[in-house]
Protein backbone atom coordinates (compact mmCIF):
# COMPACT_ATOMS: atom_id res chain seq x y z
CA UNK A 1 48.78 27.18 -46.21
CA UNK A 2 49.66 26.01 -42.76
CA UNK A 3 48.34 22.67 -41.63
CA UNK A 4 45.63 22.59 -39.00
CA UNK A 5 46.80 21.36 -35.65
CA UNK A 6 44.68 18.96 -33.65
CA UNK A 7 45.10 18.64 -29.93
CA UNK A 8 44.20 15.49 -28.07
CA UNK A 9 42.23 16.26 -24.93
CA UNK A 10 42.60 13.79 -22.10
CA UNK A 11 39.49 13.84 -19.92
CA UNK A 12 39.48 11.01 -17.37
CA UNK A 13 36.37 8.82 -17.24
CA UNK A 14 36.21 9.33 -13.48
CA UNK A 15 35.64 13.06 -14.03
CA UNK A 16 32.95 12.35 -16.64
CA UNK A 17 31.19 10.04 -14.19
CA UNK A 18 31.45 12.68 -11.48
CA UNK A 19 30.00 15.29 -13.82
CA UNK A 20 27.00 13.10 -14.68
CA UNK A 21 26.50 12.31 -10.98
CA UNK A 22 26.45 16.01 -10.13
CA UNK A 23 23.99 16.70 -12.95
CA UNK A 24 21.78 13.85 -11.71
CA UNK A 25 21.84 15.17 -8.13
CA UNK A 26 21.11 18.68 -9.36
CA UNK A 27 18.12 17.46 -11.40
CA UNK A 28 16.85 15.46 -8.42
CA UNK A 29 17.16 18.45 -6.11
CA UNK A 30 15.17 20.58 -8.56
CA UNK A 31 12.47 17.89 -8.76
CA UNK A 32 12.35 17.53 -4.98
CA UNK A 33 12.10 21.29 -4.58
CA UNK A 34 9.26 21.47 -7.09
CA UNK A 35 7.40 18.60 -5.44
CA UNK A 36 7.75 20.23 -2.01
CA UNK A 37 6.47 23.52 -3.43
CA UNK A 38 3.37 21.75 -4.77
CA UNK A 39 2.87 20.11 -1.38
CA UNK A 40 3.18 23.41 0.51
CA UNK A 41 0.84 25.11 -1.98
CA UNK A 42 -1.65 22.30 -1.44
CA UNK A 43 -1.46 22.84 2.31
CA UNK A 44 -2.06 26.56 1.85
CA UNK A 45 -5.05 25.90 -0.42
CA UNK A 46 -6.44 23.41 2.10
CA UNK A 47 -6.22 25.99 4.89
CA UNK A 48 -8.11 28.47 2.70
CA UNK A 49 -10.80 25.90 1.95
CA UNK A 50 -9.92 25.77 -1.76
CA UNK A 51 -10.00 21.98 -1.89
CA UNK A 52 -10.12 21.73 -5.70
CA UNK A 53 -6.84 23.64 -6.02
CA UNK A 54 -5.34 21.67 -3.13
CA UNK A 55 -6.16 18.42 -4.93
CA UNK A 56 -4.36 19.63 -8.07
CA UNK A 57 -1.28 20.61 -6.06
CA UNK A 58 -1.14 17.35 -4.11
CA UNK A 59 -1.53 15.33 -7.31
CA UNK A 60 1.26 17.40 -8.90
CA UNK A 61 3.47 16.69 -5.87
CA UNK A 62 2.83 12.97 -6.34
CA UNK A 63 3.60 13.24 -10.06
CA UNK A 64 6.92 14.93 -9.17
CA UNK A 65 7.86 11.99 -6.97
CA UNK A 66 6.81 13.11 -3.49
CA UNK A 67 5.09 9.84 -2.54
CA UNK A 68 4.40 9.92 1.19
CA UNK A 69 1.61 9.09 3.64
CA UNK A 70 1.15 12.81 4.37
CA UNK A 71 0.41 13.63 0.73
CA UNK A 72 -2.11 10.80 0.38
CA UNK A 73 -3.79 11.61 3.71
CA UNK A 74 -4.12 15.31 2.84
CA UNK A 75 -5.41 14.37 -0.60
CA UNK A 76 -7.96 12.08 1.05
CA UNK A 77 -9.07 14.92 3.35
CA UNK A 78 -9.64 17.16 0.31
CA UNK A 79 -11.70 14.55 -1.52
CA UNK A 80 -13.68 13.98 1.68
CA UNK A 81 -14.47 17.70 1.93
CA UNK A 82 -15.52 17.61 -1.73
CA UNK A 83 -17.82 14.69 -0.85
CA UNK A 84 -15.95 12.44 -3.29
CA UNK A 85 -15.83 9.63 -0.75
CA UNK A 86 -14.63 6.96 -3.20
CA UNK A 87 -11.51 9.00 -4.03
CA UNK A 88 -11.03 9.75 -0.34
CA UNK A 89 -11.10 6.02 0.43
CA UNK A 90 -8.61 5.35 -2.38
CA UNK A 91 -6.21 7.99 -1.02
CA UNK A 92 -6.48 6.70 2.56
CA UNK A 93 -5.90 3.13 1.37
CA UNK A 94 -2.76 4.23 -0.46
CA UNK A 95 -1.56 6.00 2.67
CA UNK A 96 -2.16 2.79 4.65
CA UNK A 97 0.24 0.91 2.38
CA UNK A 98 2.98 3.34 3.42
CA UNK A 99 1.94 3.81 7.05
CA UNK A 100 0.33 0.59 8.31
CA UNK A 101 -1.15 0.52 11.76
CA UNK A 102 -1.80 4.29 11.97
CA UNK A 103 -4.82 4.53 14.29
CA UNK A 104 -5.92 8.00 13.15
CA UNK A 105 -5.60 7.04 9.48
CA UNK A 106 -7.67 3.89 10.00
CA UNK A 107 -10.32 5.98 11.78
CA UNK A 108 -10.43 8.43 8.85
CA UNK A 109 -10.80 5.51 6.46
CA UNK A 110 -13.71 4.06 8.45
CA UNK A 111 -15.46 7.44 8.51
CA UNK A 112 -15.09 7.75 4.73
CA UNK A 113 -16.45 4.22 4.30
CA UNK A 114 -19.48 5.05 6.41
CA UNK A 115 -20.16 8.20 4.40
CA UNK A 116 -19.86 6.18 1.19
CA UNK A 117 -22.25 3.55 2.55
CA UNK A 118 -19.73 0.71 2.41
CA UNK A 119 -18.87 0.50 6.12
CA UNK A 120 -20.03 -3.10 6.43
CA UNK A 121 -17.31 -4.14 3.99
CA UNK A 122 -14.65 -3.59 6.64
CA UNK A 123 -16.14 -6.53 8.56
CA UNK A 124 -16.33 -9.05 5.76
CA UNK A 125 -15.46 -12.22 7.60
CA UNK A 126 -12.12 -14.00 7.90
CA UNK A 127 -10.48 -12.40 4.86
CA UNK A 128 -11.10 -8.88 6.11
CA UNK A 129 -9.83 -9.83 9.58
CA UNK A 130 -6.70 -11.33 8.02
CA UNK A 131 -6.12 -8.15 6.01
CA UNK A 132 -6.54 -5.98 9.10
CA UNK A 133 -3.98 -8.11 10.95
CA UNK A 134 -1.53 -7.76 8.06
CA UNK A 135 -1.99 -4.00 7.90
CA UNK A 136 -1.67 -3.64 11.66
CA UNK A 137 2.12 -4.06 11.63
CA UNK A 138 4.84 -3.43 9.08
CA UNK A 139 6.72 -6.34 7.44
CA UNK A 140 9.84 -5.43 9.47
CA UNK A 141 7.95 -5.74 12.76
CA UNK A 142 6.46 -9.08 11.68
CA UNK A 143 9.98 -10.26 10.79
CA UNK A 144 11.24 -9.14 14.21
CA UNK A 145 8.47 -11.02 15.99
CA UNK A 146 9.32 -14.10 13.93
CA UNK A 147 12.94 -13.95 15.11
CA UNK A 148 11.89 -13.50 18.76
CA UNK A 149 9.48 -16.43 18.77
CA UNK A 150 11.93 -18.55 16.80
CA UNK A 151 14.54 -17.95 19.50
CA UNK A 152 12.03 -18.81 22.24
CA UNK A 153 11.07 -22.02 20.44
CA UNK A 154 14.74 -23.01 20.16
CA UNK A 155 15.16 -22.27 23.87
CA UNK A 156 12.25 -24.58 24.72
CA UNK A 157 13.71 -27.38 22.62
CA UNK A 158 17.10 -26.88 24.29
CA UNK A 159 15.55 -27.26 27.76
CA UNK A 160 13.69 -30.37 26.61
CA UNK A 161 16.83 -32.12 25.36
CA UNK A 162 19.37 -31.00 27.95
CA UNK A 163 17.46 -31.28 31.24
CA UNK A 164 17.11 -34.60 33.02
CA UNK A 165 14.47 -33.29 35.40
CA UNK A 166 11.06 -34.50 34.16
CA UNK A 167 9.23 -31.35 35.23
CA UNK A 168 11.71 -29.12 33.41
CA UNK A 169 11.53 -31.37 30.36
CA UNK A 170 7.72 -31.09 30.36
CA UNK A 171 7.93 -27.32 30.75
CA UNK A 172 10.47 -27.19 27.94
CA UNK A 173 8.37 -29.18 25.51
CA UNK A 174 5.25 -27.20 26.34
CA UNK A 175 7.12 -23.96 25.77
CA UNK A 176 8.58 -25.30 22.52
CA UNK A 177 5.21 -26.45 21.15
CA UNK A 178 3.33 -23.29 22.11
CA UNK A 179 6.00 -20.88 20.92
CA UNK A 180 6.68 -22.91 17.75
CA UNK A 181 3.02 -22.50 16.79
CA UNK A 182 3.26 -18.74 17.32
CA UNK A 183 6.59 -18.72 15.45
CA UNK A 184 5.01 -20.39 12.40
CA UNK A 185 2.07 -17.98 12.55
CA UNK A 186 4.30 -14.91 12.65
CA UNK A 187 6.46 -16.39 9.88
CA UNK A 188 3.39 -16.69 7.64
CA UNK A 189 2.23 -13.18 8.56
CA UNK A 190 5.70 -11.77 7.90
CA UNK A 191 5.83 -13.32 4.45
CA UNK A 192 2.24 -12.43 3.56
CA UNK A 193 2.60 -8.89 4.88
CA UNK A 194 5.62 -8.23 2.64
CA UNK A 195 3.85 -9.81 -0.32
CA UNK A 196 0.65 -7.90 0.45
CA UNK A 197 2.45 -4.55 0.26
CA UNK A 198 4.66 -5.50 -2.65
CA UNK A 199 1.72 -6.60 -4.80
CA UNK A 200 -1.34 -4.75 -3.52
CA UNK A 201 -3.75 -6.16 -6.14
CA UNK A 202 -6.82 -4.47 -4.79
CA UNK A 203 -8.84 -1.60 -6.17
CA UNK A 204 -11.51 0.89 -5.21
CA UNK A 205 -14.70 1.31 -7.22
CA UNK A 206 -14.92 4.98 -8.23
CA UNK A 207 -18.34 5.08 -9.88
CA UNK A 208 -21.44 2.92 -9.61
CA UNK A 209 -20.94 -0.02 -11.96
CA UNK A 210 -22.43 -3.35 -12.89
CA UNK A 211 -20.51 -6.59 -12.54
CA UNK A 212 -20.87 -9.09 -15.39
CA UNK A 213 -19.98 -12.78 -15.79
CA UNK A 214 -17.82 -11.91 -18.81
CA UNK A 215 -15.95 -8.91 -20.19
CA UNK A 216 -19.04 -7.84 -22.08
CA UNK A 217 -21.55 -5.17 -21.05
CA UNK A 218 -24.37 -6.99 -22.87
CA UNK A 219 -24.24 -9.98 -20.51
CA UNK A 220 -26.41 -10.26 -17.43
CA UNK A 221 -25.75 -8.11 -14.38
CA UNK A 222 -24.52 -10.16 -11.45
CA UNK A 223 -24.28 -7.33 -8.97
CA UNK A 224 -24.19 -3.55 -8.78
CA UNK A 225 -21.16 -2.12 -7.01
CA UNK A 226 -21.19 1.18 -5.14
CA UNK A 227 -18.47 3.85 -5.24
CA UNK A 228 -15.97 3.23 -2.47
CA UNK A 229 -16.25 -0.56 -2.42
CA UNK A 230 -12.97 -2.46 -2.29
CA UNK A 231 -12.46 -5.40 -4.64
CA UNK A 232 -9.63 -7.81 -5.41
CA UNK A 233 -8.17 -7.27 -8.88
CA UNK A 234 -7.34 -10.53 -10.61
CA UNK A 235 -6.76 -9.81 -14.29
CA UNK A 236 -6.93 -6.91 -16.77
CA UNK A 237 -8.20 -7.84 -20.22
CA UNK A 238 -9.17 -5.45 -23.03
CA UNK A 239 -10.12 -2.67 -20.66
CA UNK A 240 -12.00 -4.94 -18.25
CA UNK A 241 -10.98 -6.02 -14.75
CA UNK A 242 -11.70 -9.50 -13.55
CA UNK A 243 -12.47 -9.06 -9.87
CA UNK A 244 -13.40 -10.99 -6.77
CA UNK A 245 -16.66 -9.59 -5.47
CA UNK A 246 -16.86 -8.39 -1.83
CA UNK A 247 -19.30 -11.19 -1.02
CA UNK A 248 -17.34 -13.84 -2.95
CA UNK A 249 -17.47 -15.02 -6.54
CA UNK A 250 -15.82 -13.70 -9.72
CA UNK A 251 -17.05 -11.05 -12.14
CA UNK A 252 -15.90 -8.54 -14.73
CA UNK A 253 -16.21 -4.75 -14.51
CA UNK A 254 -15.24 -1.84 -16.78
CA UNK A 255 -11.61 -0.98 -16.11
CA UNK A 256 -12.08 2.79 -16.00
CA UNK A 257 -14.50 2.52 -13.09
CA UNK A 258 -11.95 0.89 -10.76
CA UNK A 259 -8.54 2.20 -9.73
CA UNK A 260 -5.76 0.11 -8.24
CA UNK A 261 -4.67 1.03 -4.72
């Protein structure tokens, strides 16, 4: 009986890595193609007025990885047409995270809030104003403004130290003080804007719910929340969200009635 012969196959690791890379790119292209097909089908359903089918297709596109402002906006339009204003608000809010400062999107959001009966929430004092300022510009634009005003502040300080003329020194220090204040403000907004989008711990109430002082439905009702209201999410515990109420104060609500933006 002849002995079996074994052949050693040399297959360079670089080729193996290239093969896996090609497989990864191929899988990604298939996923992207599928997601785009769902998106286009959703658009076709929307044009036909079949909003329920459009919602399914847009949600499938999101599940396949097509996360974009256009998908969330179209999804919000469908929920609006279905008179599910809380879901419409949630979709528009998610679109705002990706496309801050979009005037048309903000207008759509305000219309949905009015239809849900929570329009007054958009004017909830200093915190709401601060949030609107943060959402008005992207973190990159805030960072750019910070650099500009930082340079102007440095220029003012330079004129103050280098000029012997009293009038120019006064002008320099005034410029430095004024611009430094704006520089610090934009620096804070730049940092908070990035943090705000990185950790958007806010949610939308989807169904009418009662807020309790503890994570227990048998405790007293502090406040009834309407669908579409926006609340700050502080902690998730045993299926209950600890929230900050729109008017201030802390409470607990059932976790399945609120969805994170």
